[in-house]
Amino acid sequence: MKSSPFSAVPSAARRGALFVKPELVAHVNFGEWTPDSKLRHPSFQGLREDKPAHEVVREREKSLRTLANPLARK
């Protein structure tokens, strides 16, 4: 890619950067997301071949109330 896919990239990170399109999907276990959107205690489990990279999105937490109430899931 000739340009950054991100809206803002710090100048230190831009220097010498090469942006590529994602093609591989990794399975990573982790403890939690930090407040600055980093993974805490990530552990690489392997590559996945059953899911295309364009389908991967960041999952969001669901409240226990939503999970316990089947009517709230709809």
PDB file of N, CA and C in Angstrom:
ATOM      1  N   MET A   1       0.854  -1.174   0.000  1.00  0.00           N
ATOM      2  CA  MET A   1       0.000   0.000   0.000  1.00  0.00           C
ATOM      3  C   MET A   1       0.894   1.229   0.000  1.00  0.00           C
ATOM      4  N   LYS A   2       0.496   2.211  -0.735  1.00  0.00           N
ATOM      5  CA  LYS A   2       1.294   3.439  -0.801  1.00  0.00           C
ATOM      6  C   LYS A   2       0.967   4.401   0.333  1.00  0.00           C
ATOM      7  N   SER A   3      -0.231   4.281   0.905  1.00  0.00           N
ATOM      8  CA  SER A   3      -0.602   5.206   1.977  1.00  0.00           C
ATOM      9  C   SER A   3      -1.052   4.418   3.202  1.00  0.00           C
ATOM     10  N   SER A   4      -1.093   5.113   4.320  1.00  0.00           N
ATOM     11  CA  SER A   4      -1.482   4.498   5.585  1.00  0.00           C
ATOM     12  C   SER A   4      -2.985   4.244   5.636  1.00  0.00           C
ATOM     13  N   PRO A   5      -3.401   3.076   6.133  1.00  0.00           N
ATOM     14  CA  PRO A   5      -4.833   2.820   6.303  1.00  0.00           C
ATOM     15  C   PRO A   5      -5.387   3.449   7.573  1.00  0.00           C
ATOM     16  N   PHE A   6      -4.533   4.082   8.367  1.00  0.00           N
ATOM     17  CA  PHE A   6      -4.939   4.683   9.634  1.00  0.00           C
ATOM     18  C   PHE A   6      -5.151   6.181   9.481  1.00  0.00           C
ATOM     19  N   SER A   7      -6.043   6.737  10.308  1.00  0.00           N
ATOM     20  CA  SER A   7      -6.328   8.168  10.214  1.00  0.00           C
ATOM     21  C   SER A   7      -5.165   9.008  10.724  1.00  0.00           C
ATOM     22  N   ALA A   8      -4.475   8.542  11.736  1.00  0.00           N
ATOM     23  CA  ALA A   8      -3.331   9.292  12.273  1.00  0.00           C
ATOM     24  C   ALA A   8      -2.236   8.318  12.676  1.00  0.00           C
ATOM     25  N   VAL A   9      -1.034   8.570  12.203  1.00  0.00           N
ATOM     26  CA  VAL A   9       0.118   7.739  12.537  1.00  0.00           C
ATOM     27  C   VAL A   9       1.216   8.654  13.074  1.00  0.00           C
ATOM     28  N   PRO A  10       1.735   8.355  14.272  1.00  0.00           N
ATOM     29  CA  PRO A  10       2.820   9.190  14.805  1.00  0.00           C
ATOM     30  C   PRO A  10       4.025   9.197  13.863  1.00  0.00           C
ATOM     31  N   SER A  11       4.732  10.313  13.803  1.00  0.00           N
ATOM     32  CA  SER A  11       5.844  10.444  12.861  1.00  0.00           C
ATOM     33  C   SER A  11       6.921   9.393  13.098  1.00  0.00           C
ATOM     34  N   ALA A  12       7.178   9.024  14.356  1.00  0.00           N
ATOM     35  CA  ALA A  12       8.189   7.993  14.641  1.00  0.00           C
ATOM     36  C   ALA A  12       7.782   6.647  14.061  1.00  0.00           C
ATOM     37  N   ALA A  13       6.495   6.347  14.070  1.00  0.00           N
ATOM     38  CA  ALA A  13       6.009   5.075  13.522  1.00  0.00           C
ATOM     39  C   ALA A  13       5.977   5.111  11.993  1.00  0.00           C
ATOM     40  N   ARG A  14       5.783   6.287  11.417  1.00  0.00           N
ATOM     41  CA  ARG A  14       5.714   6.438   9.953  1.00  0.00           C
ATOM     42  C   ARG A  14       7.067   6.233   9.298  1.00  0.00           C
ATOM     43  N   ARG A  15       8.127   6.595   9.995  1.00  0.00           N
ATOM     44  CA  ARG A  15       9.476   6.533   9.452  1.00  0.00           C
ATOM     45  C   ARG A  15       9.835   5.104   9.077  1.00  0.00           C
ATOM     46  N   GLY A  16      10.004   4.850   7.805  1.00  0.00           N
ATOM     47  CA  GLY A  16      10.407   3.534   7.327  1.00  0.00           C
ATOM     48  C   GLY A  16       9.295   2.494   7.339  1.00  0.00           C
ATOM     49  N   ALA A  17       8.058   2.920   7.590  1.00  0.00           N
ATOM     50  CA  ALA A  17       6.949   1.967   7.667  1.00  0.00           C
ATOM     51  C   ALA A  17       6.512   1.516   6.275  1.00  0.00           C
ATOM     52  N   LEU A  18       6.099   0.277   6.205  1.00  0.00           N
ATOM     53  CA  LEU A  18       5.537  -0.285   4.986  1.00  0.00           C
ATOM     54  C   LEU A  18       4.195  -0.887   5.371  1.00  0.00           C
ATOM     55  N   PHE A  19       3.121  -0.352   4.836  1.00  0.00           N
ATOM     56  CA  PHE A  19       1.787  -0.832   5.171  1.00  0.00           C
ATOM     57  C   PHE A  19       1.388  -1.919   4.185  1.00  0.00           C
ATOM     58  N   VAL A  20       0.863  -3.010   4.708  1.00  0.00           N
ATOM     59  CA  VAL A  20       0.453  -4.145   3.877  1.00  0.00           C
ATOM     60  C   VAL A  20      -1.005  -4.488   4.165  1.00  0.00           C
ATOM     61  N   LYS A  21      -1.635  -5.174   3.240  1.00  0.00           N
ATOM     62  CA  LYS A  21      -3.008  -5.634   3.449  1.00  0.00           C
ATOM     63  C   LYS A  21      -2.965  -6.940   4.238  1.00  0.00           C
ATOM     64  N   PRO A  22      -3.839  -7.088   5.249  1.00  0.00           N
ATOM     65  CA  PRO A  22      -3.831  -8.324   6.038  1.00  0.00           C
ATOM     66  C   PRO A  22      -4.280  -9.517   5.198  1.00  0.00           C
ATOM     67  N   GLU A  23      -3.554 -10.612   5.321  1.00  0.00           N
ATOM     68  CA  GLU A  23      -3.908 -11.827   4.598  1.00  0.00           C
ATOM     69  C   GLU A  23      -4.004 -13.032   5.523  1.00  0.00           C
ATOM     70  N   LEU A  24      -3.310 -12.990   6.660  1.00  0.00           N
ATOM     71  CA  LEU A  24      -3.307 -14.106   7.592  1.00  0.00           C
ATOM     72  C   LEU A  24      -4.116 -13.742   8.833  1.00  0.00           C
ATOM     73  N   VAL A  25      -4.701 -14.750   9.469  1.00  0.00           N
ATOM     74  CA  VAL A  25      -5.463 -14.551  10.700  1.00  0.00           C
ATOM     75  C   VAL A  25      -4.813 -15.392  11.784  1.00  0.00           C
ATOM     76  N   ALA A  26      -4.464 -14.737  12.889  1.00  0.00           N
ATOM     77  CA  ALA A  26      -3.847 -15.430  14.016  1.00  0.00           C
ATOM     78  C   ALA A  26      -4.851 -15.629  15.140  1.00  0.00           C
ATOM     79  N   HIS A  27      -4.727 -16.746  15.832  1.00  0.00           N
ATOM     80  CA  HIS A  27      -5.511 -17.002  17.040  1.00  0.00           C
ATOM     81  C   HIS A  27      -4.624 -16.597  18.209  1.00  0.00           C
ATOM     82  N   VAL A  28      -5.075 -15.618  18.993  1.00  0.00           N
ATOM     83  CA  VAL A  28      -4.292 -15.100  20.120  1.00  0.00           C
ATOM     84  C   VAL A  28      -5.172 -15.092  21.360  1.00  0.00           C
ATOM     85  N   ASN A  29      -4.732 -15.757  22.416  1.00  0.00           N
ATOM     86  CA  ASN A  29      -5.410 -15.656  23.713  1.00  0.00           C
ATOM     87  C   ASN A  29      -4.782 -14.500  24.474  1.00  0.00           C
ATOM     88  N   PHE A  30      -5.578 -13.799  25.282  1.00  0.00           N
ATOM     89  CA  PHE A  30      -5.044 -12.677  26.052  1.00  0.00           C
ATOM     90  C   PHE A  30      -5.900 -12.437  27.280  1.00  0.00           C
ATOM     91  N   GLY A  31      -5.333 -11.722  28.236  1.00  0.00           N
ATOM     92  CA  GLY A  31      -6.049 -11.448  29.484  1.00  0.00           C
ATOM     93  C   GLY A  31      -7.125 -10.394  29.340  1.00  0.00           C
ATOM     94  N   GLU A  32      -6.763  -9.260  28.752  1.00  0.00           N
ATOM     95  CA  GLU A  32      -7.717  -8.163  28.580  1.00  0.00           C
ATOM     96  C   GLU A  32      -7.115  -7.109  27.669  1.00  0.00           C
ATOM     97  N   TRP A  33      -7.944  -6.136  27.288  1.00  0.00           N
ATOM     98  CA  TRP A  33      -7.477  -4.951  26.560  1.00  0.00           C
ATOM     99  C   TRP A  33      -7.086  -3.910  27.588  1.00  0.00           C
ATOM    100  N   THR A  34      -5.980  -3.225  27.375  1.00  0.00           N
ATOM    101  CA  THR A  34      -5.588  -2.130  28.261  1.00  0.00           C
ATOM    102  C   THR A  34      -6.363  -0.875  27.859  1.00  0.00           C
ATOM    103  N   PRO A  35      -6.355   0.164  28.702  1.00  0.00           N
ATOM    104  CA  PRO A  35      -7.061   1.401  28.345  1.00  0.00           C
ATOM    105  C   PRO A  35      -6.555   2.034  27.043  1.00  0.00           C
ATOM    106  N   ASP A  36      -5.295   1.782  26.676  1.00  0.00           N
ATOM    107  CA  ASP A  36      -4.784   2.340  25.419  1.00  0.00           C
ATOM    108  C   ASP A  36      -4.850   1.324  24.275  1.00  0.00           C
ATOM    109  N   SER A  37      -5.772   0.363  24.378  1.00  0.00           N
ATOM    110  CA  SER A  37      -6.086  -0.611  23.313  1.00  0.00           C
ATOM    111  C   SER A  37      -4.940  -1.551  22.961  1.00  0.00           C
ATOM    112  N   LYS A  38      -4.197  -1.978  23.966  1.00  0.00           N
ATOM    113  CA  LYS A  38      -3.161  -2.988  23.755  1.00  0.00           C
ATOM    114  C   LYS A  38      -3.585  -4.266  24.472  1.00  0.00           C
ATOM    115  N   LEU A  39      -3.070  -5.400  24.001  1.00  0.00           N
ATOM    116  CA  LEU A  39      -3.400  -6.676  24.632  1.00  0.00           C
ATOM    117  C   LEU A  39      -2.528  -6.911  25.859  1.00  0.00           C
ATOM    118  N   ARG A  40      -3.158  -7.384  26.924  1.00  0.00           N
ATOM    119  CA  ARG A  40      -2.410  -7.716  28.134  1.00  0.00           C
ATOM    120  C   ARG A  40      -2.183  -9.233  28.145  1.00  0.00           C
ATOM    121  N   HIS A  41      -0.940  -9.648  28.284  1.00  0.00           N
ATOM    122  CA  HIS A  41      -0.523 -11.057  28.315  1.00  0.00           C
ATOM    123  C   HIS A  41      -0.971 -11.838  27.079  1.00  0.00           C
ATOM    124  N   PRO A  42      -0.646 -11.357  25.871  1.00  0.00           N
ATOM    125  CA  PRO A  42      -1.048 -12.105  24.672  1.00  0.00           C
ATOM    126  C   PRO A  42      -0.236 -13.391  24.511  1.00  0.00           C
ATOM    127  N   SER A  43      -0.881 -14.416  23.960  1.00  0.00           N
ATOM    128  CA  SER A  43      -0.236 -15.701  23.727  1.00  0.00           C
ATOM    129  C   SER A  43      -0.666 -16.212  22.353  1.00  0.00           C
ATOM    130  N   PHE A  44       0.290 -16.289  21.421  1.00  0.00           N
ATOM    131  CA  PHE A  44       0.016 -16.743  20.062  1.00  0.00           C
ATOM    132  C   PHE A  44      -0.314 -18.233  20.077  1.00  0.00           C
ATOM    133  N   GLN A  45      -1.465 -18.602  19.510  1.00  0.00           N
ATOM    134  CA  GLN A  45      -1.911 -19.988  19.499  1.00  0.00           C
ATOM    135  C   GLN A  45      -1.741 -20.650  18.130  1.00  0.00           C
ATOM    136  N   GLY A  46      -1.590 -19.852  17.092  1.00  0.00           N
ATOM    137  CA  GLY A  46      -1.419 -20.405  15.756  1.00  0.00           C
ATOM    138  C   GLY A  46      -2.175 -19.593  14.721  1.00  0.00           C
ATOM    139  N   LEU A  47      -2.029 -19.983  13.463  1.00  0.00           N
ATOM    140  CA  LEU A  47      -2.744 -19.322  12.375  1.00  0.00           C
ATOM    141  C   LEU A  47      -4.045 -20.059  12.098  1.00  0.00           C
ATOM    142  N   ARG A  48      -5.046 -19.307  11.661  1.00  0.00           N
ATOM    143  CA  ARG A  48      -6.345 -19.893  11.321  1.00  0.00           C
ATOM    144  C   ARG A  48      -6.527 -19.854   9.823  1.00  0.00           C
ATOM    145  N   GLU A  49      -6.976 -20.940   9.273  1.00  0.00           N
ATOM    146  CA  GLU A  49      -7.242 -21.011   7.845  1.00  0.00           C
ATOM    147  C   GLU A  49      -8.728 -21.007   7.547  1.00  0.00           C
ATOM    148  N   ASP A  50      -9.555 -21.046   8.602  1.00  0.00           N
ATOM    149  CA  ASP A  50     -11.004 -21.142   8.420  1.00  0.00           C
ATOM    150  C   ASP A  50     -11.702 -19.791   8.341  1.00  0.00           C
ATOM    151  N   LYS A  51     -10.975 -18.697   8.476  1.00  0.00           N
ATOM    152  CA  LYS A  51     -11.600 -17.370   8.498  1.00  0.00           C
ATOM    153  C   LYS A  51     -10.783 -16.393   7.666  1.00  0.00           C
ATOM    154  N   PRO A  52     -11.423 -15.724   6.687  1.00  0.00           N
ATOM    155  CA  PRO A  52     -10.688 -14.719   5.906  1.00  0.00           C
ATOM    156  C   PRO A  52     -10.374 -13.476   6.749  1.00  0.00           C
ATOM    157  N   ALA A  53      -9.249 -12.842   6.475  1.00  0.00           N
ATOM    158  CA  ALA A  53      -8.796 -11.686   7.248  1.00  0.00           C
ATOM    159  C   ALA A  53      -9.817 -10.549   7.239  1.00  0.00           C
ATOM    160  N   HIS A  54     -10.538 -10.339   6.138  1.00  0.00           N
ATOM    161  CA  HIS A  54     -11.478  -9.213   6.071  1.00  0.00           C
ATOM    162  C   HIS A  54     -12.698  -9.403   6.975  1.00  0.00           C
ATOM    163  N   GLU A  55     -12.927 -10.610   7.499  1.00  0.00           N
ATOM    164  CA  GLU A  55     -14.057 -10.857   8.396  1.00  0.00           C
ATOM    165  C   GLU A  55     -13.715 -10.630   9.870  1.00  0.00           C
ATOM    166  N   VAL A  56     -12.451 -10.416  10.185  1.00  0.00           N
ATOM    167  CA  VAL A  56     -12.021 -10.291  11.582  1.00  0.00           C
ATOM    168  C   VAL A  56     -12.319  -8.884  12.089  1.00  0.00           C
ATOM    169  N   VAL A  57     -13.001  -8.809  13.221  1.00  0.00           N
ATOM    170  CA  VAL A  57     -13.308  -7.535  13.876  1.00  0.00           C
ATOM    171  C   VAL A  57     -13.003  -7.667  15.364  1.00  0.00           C
ATOM    172  N   ARG A  58     -12.802  -6.558  16.020  1.00  0.00           N
ATOM    173  CA  ARG A  58     -12.564  -6.592  17.464  1.00  0.00           C
ATOM    174  C   ARG A  58     -13.876  -6.868  18.173  1.00  0.00           C
ATOM    175  N   GLU A  59     -13.872  -7.912  19.011  1.00  0.00           N
ATOM    176  CA  GLU A  59     -15.068  -8.243  19.772  1.00  0.00           C
ATOM    177  C   GLU A  59     -15.212  -7.291  20.944  1.00  0.00           C
ATOM    178  N   ARG A  60     -16.421  -6.980  21.298  1.00  0.00           N
ATOM    179  CA  ARG A  60     -16.710  -6.096  22.434  1.00  0.00           C
ATOM    180  C   ARG A  60     -17.300  -6.915  23.578  1.00  0.00           C
ATOM    181  N   GLU A  61     -17.057  -6.455  24.802  1.00  0.00           N
ATOM    182  CA  GLU A  61     -17.613  -7.131  25.969  1.00  0.00           C
ATOM    183  C   GLU A  61     -19.128  -7.062  25.957  1.00  0.00           C
ATOM    184  N   LYS A  62     -19.751  -8.115  26.484  1.00  0.00           N
ATOM    185  CA  LYS A  62     -21.195  -8.117  26.669  1.00  0.00           C
ATOM    186  C   LYS A  62     -21.458  -8.184  28.163  1.00  0.00           C
ATOM    187  N   SER A  63     -22.471  -7.472  28.606  1.00  0.00           N
ATOM    188  CA  SER A  63     -22.773  -7.480  30.033  1.00  0.00           C
ATOM    189  C   SER A  63     -23.370  -8.824  30.431  1.00  0.00           C
ATOM    190  N   LEU A  64     -23.201  -9.186  31.690  1.00  0.00           N
ATOM    191  CA  LEU A  64     -23.771 -10.438  32.178  1.00  0.00           C
ATOM    192  C   LEU A  64     -25.286 -10.424  32.076  1.00  0.00           C
ATOM    193  N   ARG A  65     -25.894  -9.260  32.253  1.00  0.00           N
ATOM    194  CA  ARG A  65     -27.347  -9.145  32.150  1.00  0.00           C
ATOM    195  C   ARG A  65     -27.806  -9.534  30.740  1.00  0.00           C
ATOM    196  N   THR A  66     -27.086  -9.080  29.722  1.00  0.00           N
ATOM    197  CA  THR A  66     -27.435  -9.406  28.338  1.00  0.00           C
ATOM    198  C   THR A  66     -27.283 -10.899  28.085  1.00  0.00           C
ATOM    199  N   LEU A  67     -26.211 -11.486  28.598  1.00  0.00           N
ATOM    200  CA  LEU A  67     -25.972 -12.919  28.395  1.00  0.00           C
ATOM    201  C   LEU A  67     -26.975 -13.776  29.140  1.00  0.00           C
ATOM    202  N   ALA A  68     -27.437 -13.338  30.309  1.00  0.00           N
ATOM    203  CA  ALA A  68     -28.366 -14.114  31.127  1.00  0.00           C
ATOM    204  C   ALA A  68     -29.802 -13.997  30.621  1.00  0.00           C
ATOM    205  N   ASN A  69     -30.119 -12.938  29.897  1.00  0.00           N
ATOM    206  CA  ASN A  69     -31.487 -12.713  29.432  1.00  0.00           C
ATOM    207  C   ASN A  69     -31.586 -13.048  27.931  1.00  0.00           C
ATOM    208  N   PRO A  70     -32.186 -14.184  27.563  1.00  0.00           N
ATOM    209  CA  PRO A  70     -32.249 -14.568  26.148  1.00  0.00           C
ATOM    210  C   PRO A  70     -33.030 -13.580  25.288  1.00  0.00           C
ATOM    211  N   LEU A  71     -33.966 -12.841  25.862  1.00  0.00           N
ATOM    212  CA  LEU A  71     -34.737 -11.875  25.083  1.00  0.00           C
ATOM    213  C   LEU A  71     -33.891 -10.639  24.723  1.00  0.00           C
ATOM    214  N   ALA A  72     -32.908 -10.331  25.513  1.00  0.00           N
ATOM    215  CA  ALA A  72     -32.068  -9.161  25.273  1.00  0.00           C
ATOM    216  C   ALA A  72     -31.047  -9.400  24.159  1.00  0.00           C
ATOM    217  N   ARG A  73     -30.840 -10.644  23.751  1.00  0.00           N
ATOM    218  CA  ARG A  73     -29.858 -10.969  22.727  1.00  0.00           C
ATOM    219  C   ARG A  73     -30.320 -10.586  21.315  1.00  0.00           C
ATOM    220  N   LYS A  74     -31.611 -10.413  21.155  1.00  0.00           N
ATOM    221  CA  LYS A  74     -32.148 -10.138  19.801  1.00  0.00           C
ATOM    222  C   LYS A  74     -31.949  -8.719  19.388  1.00  0.00           C
TER     223      LYS A  74
END
